[in-house]
C-alpha atoms as a PDB file:
ATOM      1  CA  MET A   1      -0.010  -0.178  -0.071  1.00  0.00           C
ATOM      2  CA  PHE A   2       2.766   2.654   0.852  1.00  0.00           C
ATOM      3  CA  GLY A   3       5.421   1.166  -1.691  1.00  0.00           C
ATOM      4  CA  TRP A   4       9.007   1.651  -0.492  1.00  0.00           C
ATOM      5  CA  LEU A   5       7.495   3.438   2.887  1.00  0.00           C
ATOM      6  CA  GLY A   6       5.793  -0.059   3.686  1.00  0.00           C
ATOM      7  CA  ALA A   7       8.698  -2.051   2.818  1.00  0.00           C
ATOM      8  CA  TYR A   8      10.905  -0.142   5.045  1.00  0.00           C
ATOM      9  CA  LEU A   9       8.375  -0.110   8.063  1.00  0.00           C
ATOM     10  CA  SER A  10       7.821  -3.980   7.373  1.00  0.00           C
ATOM     11  CA  HIS A  11      11.545  -4.540   7.904  1.00  0.00           C
ATOM     12  CA  GLY A  12      11.864  -3.269  11.408  1.00  0.00           C
ATOM     13  CA  VAL A  13      12.590   0.577  10.637  1.00  0.00           C
ATOM     14  CA  SER A  14      11.770   2.179  14.048  1.00  0.00           C
ATOM     15  CA  PRO A  15       9.415   5.331  13.851  1.00  0.00           C
ATOM     16  CA  GLY A  16      12.274   7.268  15.155  1.00  0.00           C
ATOM     17  CA  GLU A  17      14.495   6.264  12.425  1.00  0.00           C
ATOM     18  CA  LEU A  18      11.748   6.946  10.118  1.00  0.00           C
ATOM     19  CA  LEU A  19      11.418  10.556  11.379  1.00  0.00           C
ATOM     20  CA  LEU A  20      15.228  10.890  10.903  1.00  0.00           C
ATOM     21  CA  ILE A  21      15.071  10.088   7.411  1.00  0.00           C
ATOM     22  CA  LEU A  22      11.998  12.330   6.776  1.00  0.00           C
ATOM     23  CA  ILE A  23      14.012  15.413   8.190  1.00  0.00           C
ATOM     24  CA  SER A  24      17.262  14.685   7.198  1.00  0.00           C
ATOM     25  CA  ALA A  25      16.540  14.147   3.237  1.00  0.00           C
ATOM     26  CA  PRO A  26      15.069  17.498   2.872  1.00  0.00           C
ATOM     27  CA  THR A  27      17.890  18.958   4.814  1.00  0.00           C
ATOM     28  CA  LEU A  28      20.455  17.571   2.595  1.00  0.00           C
ATOM     29  CA  PHE A  29      18.774  18.551  -0.391  1.00  0.00           C
ATOM     30  CA  VAL A  30      18.165  22.248   1.017  1.00  0.00           C
ATOM     31  CA  SER A  31      21.975  22.415   1.964  1.00  0.00           C
ATOM     32  CA  ALA A  32      22.968  21.213  -1.287  1.00  0.00           C
ATOM     33  CA  TYR A  33      21.005  23.946  -3.312  1.00  0.00           C
ATOM     34  CA  TRP A  34      22.172  26.543  -0.805  1.00  0.00           C
ATOM     35  CA  TRP A  35      26.096  25.446  -1.436  1.00  0.00           C
ATOM     36  CA  LEU A  36      25.499  24.588  -5.375  1.00  0.00           C
ATOM     37  CA  PHE A  37      23.708  28.094  -6.139  1.00  0.00           C
ATOM     38  CA  LYS A  38      23.742  30.585  -3.232  1.00  0.00           C
ATOM     39  CA  PHE A  39      27.205  30.045  -2.149  1.00  0.00           C
ATOM     40  CA  GLN A  40      28.917  29.400  -5.474  1.00  0.00           C
ATOM     41  CA  ILE A  41      27.108  31.605  -7.725  1.00  0.00           C
ATOM     42  CA  PRO A  42      26.998  35.100  -6.241  1.00  0.00           C
ATOM     43  CA  PHE A  43      26.141  36.912  -9.230  1.00  0.00           C
ATOM     44  CA  SER A  44      22.682  37.187 -11.031  1.00  0.00           C
ATOM     45  CA  MET A  45      22.567  38.341 -14.699  1.00  0.00           C
ATOM     46  CA  SER A  46      19.797  39.617 -16.903  1.00  0.00           C
ATOM     47  CA  LEU A  47      19.730  40.792 -20.303  1.00  0.00           C
ATOM     48  CA  TYR A  48      18.149  44.355 -21.228  1.00  0.00           C
ATOM     49  CA  GLU A  49      17.591  46.730 -24.610  1.00  0.00           C
ATOM     50  CA  PRO A  50      19.913  49.753 -24.101  1.00  0.00           C
ATOM     51  CA  PRO A  51      19.428  52.352 -23.111  1.00  0.00           C
ATOM     52  CA  GLN A  52      16.623  51.470 -20.716  1.00  0.00           C
ATOM     53  CA  THR A  53      18.393  49.234 -18.015  1.00  0.00           C
ATOM     54  CA  GLU A  54      15.196  47.808 -16.124  1.00  0.00           C
ATOM     55  CA  LYS A  55      13.197  46.146 -18.738  1.00  0.00           C
ATOM     56  CA  SER A  56      14.426  42.452 -19.663  1.00  0.00           C
ATOM     57  CA  ILE A  57      14.373  41.178 -23.129  1.00  0.00           C
ATOM     58  CA  PRO A  58      14.028  37.829 -24.688  1.00  0.00           C
ATOM     59  CA  SER A  59      17.020  36.097 -25.263  1.00  0.00           C
ATOM     60  CA  THR A  60      16.209  34.587 -28.559  1.00  0.00           C
ATOM     61  CA  PHE A  61      17.740  36.761 -31.584  1.00  0.00           C
ATOM     62  CA  PRO A  62      18.003  36.600 -35.832  1.00  0.00           C
ATOM     63  CA  ARG A  63      21.103  36.256 -37.195  1.00  0.00           C
ATOM     64  CA  GLY A  64      23.173  39.604 -37.562  1.00  0.00           C
ATOM     65  CA  ARG A  65      24.389  42.424 -35.349  1.00  0.00           C
ATOM     66  CA  HIS A  66      23.023  42.761 -32.019  1.00  0.00           C
ATOM     67  CA  SER A  67      23.466  45.618 -29.352  1.00  0.00           C
ATOM     68  CA  ILE A  68      22.138  44.149 -25.832  1.00  0.00           C
ATOM     69  CA  GLY A  69      22.908  45.254 -22.273  1.00  0.00           C
ATOM     70  CA  VAL A  70      23.957  42.869 -19.632  1.00  0.00           C
ATOM     71  CA  ARG A  71      22.931  43.738 -16.045  1.00  0.00           C
ATOM     72  CA  LEU A  72      25.032  41.941 -13.127  1.00  0.00           C
ATOM     73  CA  ARG A  73      24.431  42.236  -9.268  1.00  0.00           C
ATOM     74  CA  THR A  74      26.395  40.732  -6.785  1.00  0.00           C
ATOM     75  CA  ARG A  75      24.938  39.172  -3.378  1.00  0.00           C
ATOM     76  CA  GLU A  76      28.283  39.270  -1.635  1.00  0.00           C
ATOM     77  CA  VAL A  77      31.213  41.630  -1.391  1.00  0.00           C
ATOM     78  CA  THR A  78      33.718  40.760  -4.337  1.00  0.00           C
ATOM     79  CA  ASN A  79      37.184  42.206  -4.835  1.00  0.00           C
ATOM     80  CA  LEU A  80      37.111  41.798  -8.503  1.00  0.00           C
ATOM     81  CA  ARG A  81      40.394  41.614 -10.657  1.00  0.00           C
ATOM     82  CA  VAL A  82      39.297  40.422 -13.955  1.00  0.00           C
ATOM     83  CA  VAL A  83      35.915  40.010 -15.657  1.00  0.00           C
ATOM     84  CA  ASP A  84      35.681  37.632 -18.557  1.00  0.00           C
ATOM     85  CA  ILE A  85      32.723  37.493 -20.854  1.00  0.00           C
ATOM     86  CA  ARG A  86      31.987  35.148 -23.742  1.00  0.00           C
ATOM     87  CA  PHE A  87      29.781  32.908 -25.677  1.00  0.00           C
ATOM     88  CA  ILE A  88      30.179  28.999 -24.574  1.00  0.00           C
ATOM     89  CA  ASN A  89      28.305  25.782 -25.249  1.00  0.00           C
ATOM     90  CA  LEU A  90      27.166  23.753 -22.637  1.00  0.00           C
ATOM     91  CA  SER A  91      26.266  19.955 -22.391  1.00  0.00           C
ATOM     92  CA  TRP A  92      25.493  17.073 -19.875  1.00  0.00           C
ATOM     93  CA  LEU A  93      28.698  15.376 -18.439  1.00  0.00           C
ATOM     94  CA  ARG A  94      31.202  17.436 -20.676  1.00  0.00           C
ATOM     95  CA  ARG A  95      33.259  20.517 -20.022  1.00  0.00           C
ATOM     96  CA  PRO A  96      31.980  23.886 -21.227  1.00  0.00           C
ATOM     97  CA  SER A  97      33.504  24.738 -24.517  1.00  0.00           C
ATOM     98  CA  ASP A  98      33.874  27.964 -26.255  1.00  0.00           C
ATOM     99  CA  ALA A  99      31.478  29.030 -28.940  1.00  0.00           C
ATOM    100  CA  PRO A 100      32.743  28.907 -32.584  1.00  0.00           C
ATOM    101  CA  MET A 101      33.854  32.013 -33.574  1.00  0.00           C
ATOM    102  CA  ASP A 102      32.384  31.462 -37.180  1.00  0.00           C
ATOM    103  CA  LYS A 103      28.767  31.404 -35.665  1.00  0.00           C
ATOM    104  CA  ILE A 104      29.031  33.915 -32.776  1.00  0.00           C
ATOM    105  CA  GLU A 105      31.209  36.291 -31.155  1.00  0.00           C
ATOM    106  CA  ILE A 106      31.272  39.651 -29.141  1.00  0.00           C
ATOM    107  CA  THR A 107      32.829  42.139 -31.572  1.00  0.00           C
ATOM    108  CA  ARG A 108      32.676  45.184 -29.047  1.00  0.00           C
ATOM    109  CA  ILE A 109      31.991  46.333 -25.348  1.00  0.00           C
ATOM    110  CA  ASP A 110      30.528  49.575 -25.752  1.00  0.00           C
ATOM    111  CA  LYS A 111      29.547  50.648 -22.281  1.00  0.00           C
ATOM    112  CA  ILE A 112      30.852  49.584 -18.828  1.00  0.00           C
ATOM    113  CA  GLU A 113      29.150  51.179 -16.054  1.00  0.00           C
ATOM    114  CA  TRP A 114      29.520  50.257 -12.196  1.00  0.00           C
ATOM    115  CA  GLY A 115      26.413  50.999  -9.863  1.00  0.00           C
ATOM    116  CA  ASP A 116      28.494  53.746  -8.209  1.00  0.00           C
ATOM    117  CA  GLY A 117      29.266  55.386 -11.258  1.00  0.00           C
ATOM    118  CA  ILE A 118      32.840  54.458 -11.884  1.00  0.00           C
ATOM    119  CA  GLY A 119      33.292  54.094 -15.891  1.00  0.00           C
ATOM    120  CA  PRO A 120      36.187  52.863 -18.015  1.00  0.00           C
ATOM    121  CA  GLU A 121      39.178  54.554 -16.074  1.00  0.00           C
ATOM    122  CA  GLY A 122      41.454  51.803 -14.701  1.00  0.00           C
ATOM    123  CA  MET A 123      40.026  49.032 -16.728  1.00  0.00           C
ATOM    124  CA  LYS A 124      41.717  47.552 -19.473  1.00  0.00           C
ATOM    125  CA  LEU A 125      39.627  45.593 -22.450  1.00  0.00           C
ATOM    126  CA  ASP A 126      41.250  42.833 -24.441  1.00  0.00           C
ATOM    127  CA  PRO A 127      39.928  40.086 -26.833  1.00  0.00           C
ATOM    128  CA  ASN A 128      40.383  36.978 -24.943  1.00  0.00           C
ATOM    129  CA  GLY A 129      40.849  35.081 -28.034  1.00  0.00           C
ATOM    130  CA  VAL A 130      37.741  32.986 -28.087  1.00  0.00           C
ATOM    131  CA  GLY A 131      35.132  35.790 -29.313  1.00  0.00           C
ATOM    132  CA  GLY A 132      34.759  37.517 -26.114  1.00  0.00           C
ATOM    133  CA  PHE A 133      36.623  40.107 -24.095  1.00  0.00           C
ATOM    134  CA  GLN A 134      38.740  40.095 -21.021  1.00  0.00           C
ATOM    135  CA  ILE A 135      38.616  43.156 -18.681  1.00  0.00           C
ATOM    136  CA  LYS A 136      41.124  43.953 -16.389  1.00  0.00           C
ATOM    137  CA  LEU A 137      40.654  46.262 -13.411  1.00  0.00           C
ATOM    138  CA  THR A 138      43.587  47.856 -11.844  1.00  0.00           C
ATOM    139  CA  PRO A 139      43.455  48.593  -8.923  1.00  0.00           C
ATOM    140  CA  HIS A 140      41.136  46.038  -8.026  1.00  0.00           C
ATOM    141  CA  LYS A 141      37.341  47.165  -7.653  1.00  0.00           C
ATOM    142  CA  LEU A 142      35.601  46.244  -4.556  1.00  0.00           C
ATOM    143  CA  TRP A 143      32.149  45.468  -5.922  1.00  0.00           C
ATOM    144  CA  ALA A 144      29.577  45.798  -2.904  1.00  0.00           C
ATOM    145  CA  ALA A 145      26.737  43.735  -2.247  1.00  0.00           C
ATOM    146  CA  GLY A 146      23.567  44.618  -4.257  1.00  0.00           C
ATOM    147  CA  ASP A 147      25.433  46.741  -6.536  1.00  0.00           C
ATOM    148  CA  TYR A 148      25.066  46.706 -10.133  1.00  0.00           C
ATOM    149  CA  ILE A 149      27.549  46.599 -13.237  1.00  0.00           C
ATOM    150  CA  TYR A 150      25.930  47.423 -16.766  1.00  0.00           C
ATOM    151  CA  LEU A 151      27.678  46.197 -19.830  1.00  0.00           C
ATOM    152  CA  GLU A 152      26.657  47.094 -23.261  1.00  0.00           C
ATOM    153  CA  ILE A 153      27.986  44.323 -25.853  1.00  0.00           C
ATOM    154  CA  THR A 154      27.582  44.219 -29.640  1.00  0.00           C
ATOM    155  CA  PHE A 155      27.689  40.695 -30.774  1.00  0.00           C
ATOM    156  CA  GLU A 156      27.540  39.281 -34.444  1.00  0.00           C
ATOM    157  CA  ALA A 157      25.230  36.104 -34.752  1.00  0.00           C
ATOM    158  CA  ARG A 158      26.491  34.475 -38.152  1.00  0.00           C
ATOM    159  CA  ALA A 159      24.715  31.191 -38.084  1.00  0.00           C
ATOM    160  CA  ALA A 160      22.042  29.397 -35.862  1.00  0.00           C
ATOM    161  CA  TRP A 161      23.573  28.609 -32.562  1.00  0.00           C
ATOM    162  CA  SER A 162      22.078  27.833 -29.137  1.00  0.00           C
ATOM    163  CA  GLY A 163      24.208  28.141 -25.977  1.00  0.00           C
ATOM    164  CA  TYR A 164      25.149  30.702 -23.248  1.00  0.00           C
ATOM    165  CA  LEU A 165      26.495  34.131 -22.597  1.00  0.00           C
ATOM    166  CA  SER A 166      28.883  33.694 -19.734  1.00  0.00           C
ATOM    167  CA  PHE A 167      30.399  36.142 -17.338  1.00  0.00           C
ATOM    168  CA  GLU A 168      33.184  35.210 -15.261  1.00  0.00           C
ATOM    169  CA  GLY A 169      34.399  37.361 -12.332  1.00  0.00           C
ATOM    170  CA  ARG A 170      37.773  36.356 -10.877  1.00  0.00           C
ATOM    171  CA  ALA A 171      38.384  37.619  -7.308  1.00  0.00           C
ATOM    172  CA  ASP A 172      39.622  35.716  -4.581  1.00  0.00           C
ATOM    173  CA  HIS A 173      37.808  32.646  -6.315  1.00  0.00           C
ATOM    174  CA  ARG A 174      36.155  32.619  -9.538  1.00  0.00           C
ATOM    175  CA  ALA A 175      32.569  32.788 -10.019  1.00  0.00           C
ATOM    176  CA  ARG A 176      30.264  32.533 -13.188  1.00  0.00           C
ATOM    177  CA  ARG A 177      26.982  33.477 -14.097  1.00  0.00           C
ATOM    178  CA  ARG A 178      25.393  32.458 -17.739  1.00  0.00           C
ATOM    179  CA  SER A 179      22.216  33.535 -19.537  1.00  0.00           C
ATOM    180  CA  ARG A 180      20.625  31.399 -22.057  1.00  0.00           C
ATOM    181  CA  ILE A 181      20.784  32.642 -25.804  1.00  0.00           C
ATOM    182  CA  ALA A 182      19.727  31.303 -28.878  1.00  0.00           C
ATOM    183  CA  ILE A 183      20.285  32.355 -32.761  1.00  0.00           C
ATOM    184  CA  LEU A 184      17.223  31.408 -35.108  1.00  0.00           C
ATOM    185  CA  GLU A 185      17.335  31.433 -38.852  1.00  0.00           C
ATOM    186  CA  ASP A 186      15.941  34.609 -40.096  1.00  0.00           C
ATOM    187  CA  ALA A 187      12.746  32.853 -41.201  1.00  0.00           C
ATOM    188  CA  LEU A 188      12.114  31.332 -37.724  1.00  0.00           C
ATOM    189  CA  SER A 189      12.595  34.331 -35.705  1.00  0.00           C
ATOM    190  CA  GLY A 190      10.564  37.132 -34.760  1.00  0.00           C
ATOM    191  CA  SER A 191      10.971  37.484 -31.092  1.00  0.00           C
ATOM    192  CA  TYR A 192      13.185  40.567 -31.326  1.00  0.00           C
END
């Protein structure tokens, strides 16, 4: 009648042991979620259409050149040294790989603005060799919890592709945040 629960009870599991199982299993899952997502990913990320920074946009685009805004927010104080932004492919049981530059690449970073109003002074932009950019901050930037970074990027989508826009911040440890992006054939698009 009770499936696996009935099998445990019929083989001598005491009510105390059952209570321990029923309390520890959810606790394990909640702590695993907290460690994987809250602790390991201190950033939130959304896309917007410049110049308005508060309205999110869909993540599906036709082929061609596009300018989008990327809004990043940190949940914890971070001493940021390097920022890397690129397109990547993700699949189960494989390491992430860089998106092919013949399909999609970031061609320009048009604007970098911190929530405290700091601009590109003290920042050095370099292509990272895989279709994105690396932003080096000298001196290091203390990114306060709750503050935003606004990036406006231009990317060229040359073929249909599906993957992620990846933001990696390097400080005391590396942290990444990814946003799903899809490039559709011209005849199928229309959401942007």
